[in-house]
């Protein structure tokens, strides 16, 4: 349980959770939207994975992550409440707006060219 709360105690990890929302996202989108280098993003994602809050999937050279619900019902409730709160936070909203802008750009940044777009942003 300590790892669960430690995972939620970092602003960058909260931003990653918020960006994923109900989508699966390529690491390259996190790097572009948060303006942080890939090794740092990967360390935070590894922390979230070890806490059981995200799961990875590889597709060729692209690594994708999605949020998973904790198996413990109490942790799942807390996690659901945290995620709901994140949608109301101004910084988190700006991150989502930037994600939409980056994903829908006519000429995407070089880092994400060819990366699969999140499903909810391509519909």
Protein backbone atom coordinates (compact mmCIF):
# COMPACT_ATOMS: atom_id res chain seq x y z
CA UNK A 1 0.00 0.00 0.00
CA UNK A 2 2.93 2.34 0.69
CA UNK A 3 4.11 2.00 -2.93
CA UNK A 4 0.61 2.94 -4.14
CA UNK A 5 0.59 6.19 -2.17
CA UNK A 6 4.22 6.96 -3.01
CA UNK A 7 3.36 6.61 -6.69
CA UNK A 8 0.63 9.21 -6.28
CA UNK A 9 2.85 11.57 -4.29
CA UNK A 10 4.74 12.93 -7.31
CA UNK A 11 3.40 15.67 -9.59
CA UNK A 12 5.01 14.25 -12.73
CA UNK A 13 3.45 10.84 -12.12
CA UNK A 14 0.06 12.47 -11.56
CA UNK A 15 0.49 14.34 -14.85
CA UNK A 16 1.28 11.05 -16.62
CA UNK A 17 -1.83 9.40 -15.15
CA UNK A 18 -3.91 12.38 -16.20
CA UNK A 19 -2.54 12.38 -19.75
CA UNK A 20 -3.37 8.71 -20.18
CA UNK A 21 -6.94 9.21 -19.02
CA UNK A 22 -8.76 6.25 -20.55
CA UNK A 23 -6.32 6.04 -23.48
CA UNK A 24 -3.17 4.14 -24.16
CA UNK A 25 -0.35 6.59 -24.90
CA UNK A 26 3.05 6.28 -26.50
CA UNK A 27 5.96 7.46 -24.33
CA UNK A 28 6.86 9.94 -27.07
CA UNK A 29 3.64 11.89 -26.38
CA UNK A 30 4.54 12.21 -22.68
CA UNK A 31 7.98 13.53 -23.62
CA UNK A 32 6.53 16.06 -26.06
CA UNK A 33 3.66 17.28 -23.88
CA UNK A 34 5.56 17.48 -20.58
CA UNK A 35 8.80 18.76 -22.12
CA UNK A 36 10.79 16.24 -20.12
CA UNK A 37 13.44 13.85 -21.39
CA UNK A 38 12.58 10.24 -22.18
CA UNK A 39 14.73 8.60 -19.46
CA UNK A 40 12.99 10.66 -16.76
CA UNK A 41 9.54 9.83 -18.16
CA UNK A 42 10.49 6.14 -18.32
CA UNK A 43 11.62 6.16 -14.67
CA UNK A 44 8.29 7.63 -13.59
CA UNK A 45 6.38 5.12 -15.71
CA UNK A 46 8.42 2.28 -14.18
CA UNK A 47 7.47 3.54 -10.72
CA UNK A 48 3.79 3.59 -11.71
CA UNK A 49 4.14 0.11 -13.23
CA UNK A 50 5.74 -1.25 -10.04
CA UNK A 51 2.85 0.23 -8.06
CA UNK A 52 0.40 -1.61 -10.35
CA UNK A 53 -1.16 1.57 -11.74
CA UNK A 54 -0.12 1.28 -15.40
CA UNK A 55 0.77 -1.48 -17.79
CA UNK A 56 3.04 -1.30 -20.82
CA UNK A 57 2.66 -2.61 -24.34
CA UNK A 58 5.30 -2.57 -27.07
CA UNK A 59 4.38 -1.97 -30.70
CA UNK A 60 7.50 -2.09 -32.85
CA UNK A 61 9.72 0.75 -31.65
CA UNK A 62 6.86 2.42 -29.75
CA UNK A 63 6.21 1.79 -26.06
CA UNK A 64 2.65 2.46 -24.90
CA UNK A 65 1.19 2.75 -21.41
CA UNK A 66 -2.34 2.69 -20.06
CA UNK A 67 -3.83 3.11 -16.61
CA UNK A 68 -5.03 -0.02 -14.83
CA UNK A 69 -7.31 -0.15 -11.83
CA UNK A 70 -5.73 -1.43 -8.62
CA UNK A 71 -6.99 -4.86 -7.57
CA UNK A 72 -7.60 -3.77 -3.98
CA UNK A 73 -11.10 -2.22 -3.81
CA UNK A 74 -10.03 0.51 -1.34
CA UNK A 75 -7.04 1.47 -3.49
CA UNK A 76 -9.28 1.41 -6.57
CA UNK A 77 -11.68 3.83 -4.87
CA UNK A 78 -8.88 6.22 -3.88
CA UNK A 79 -7.36 5.98 -7.37
CA UNK A 80 -10.72 6.75 -8.99
CA UNK A 81 -11.14 9.82 -6.77
CA UNK A 82 -7.61 11.04 -7.52
CA UNK A 83 -8.19 10.65 -11.26
CA UNK A 84 -11.48 12.58 -11.01
CA UNK A 85 -9.71 15.35 -9.11
CA UNK A 86 -6.99 15.51 -11.77
CA UNK A 87 -9.55 16.38 -14.44
CA UNK A 88 -10.44 19.51 -12.45
CA UNK A 89 -6.88 20.78 -11.90
CA UNK A 90 -5.92 23.71 -14.19
CA UNK A 91 -2.40 22.40 -14.91
CA UNK A 92 -3.76 18.96 -15.73
CA UNK A 93 -6.32 20.50 -18.08
CA UNK A 94 -3.55 22.42 -19.85
CA UNK A 95 -1.61 19.16 -20.26
CA UNK A 96 -4.64 17.51 -21.91
CA UNK A 97 -5.13 20.53 -24.18
CA UNK A 98 -1.47 20.36 -25.20
CA UNK A 99 -1.84 16.62 -25.90
CA UNK A 100 -4.79 17.32 -28.19
CA UNK A 101 -2.88 20.10 -29.94
CA UNK A 102 0.19 17.89 -30.44
CA UNK A 103 -1.84 14.88 -31.61
CA UNK A 104 -3.98 16.85 -34.02
CA UNK A 105 -1.26 19.09 -35.46
CA UNK A 106 -1.09 19.04 -39.26
CA UNK A 107 2.69 18.68 -38.95
CA UNK A 108 3.43 16.79 -35.70
CA UNK A 109 6.75 17.30 -33.92
CA UNK A 110 9.56 15.09 -35.24
CA UNK A 111 9.63 13.00 -32.05
CA UNK A 112 6.07 11.76 -32.55
CA UNK A 113 5.90 11.47 -36.33
CA UNK A 114 4.59 8.02 -37.11
CA UNK A 115 3.52 7.30 -33.52
CA UNK A 116 0.04 5.80 -33.14
CA UNK A 117 -2.38 8.46 -31.87
CA UNK A 118 -4.56 7.85 -28.80
CA UNK A 119 -7.89 6.28 -29.79
CA UNK A 120 -10.07 8.98 -28.21
CA UNK A 121 -8.27 11.69 -30.20
CA UNK A 122 -8.59 9.96 -33.57
CA UNK A 123 -12.33 9.28 -33.44
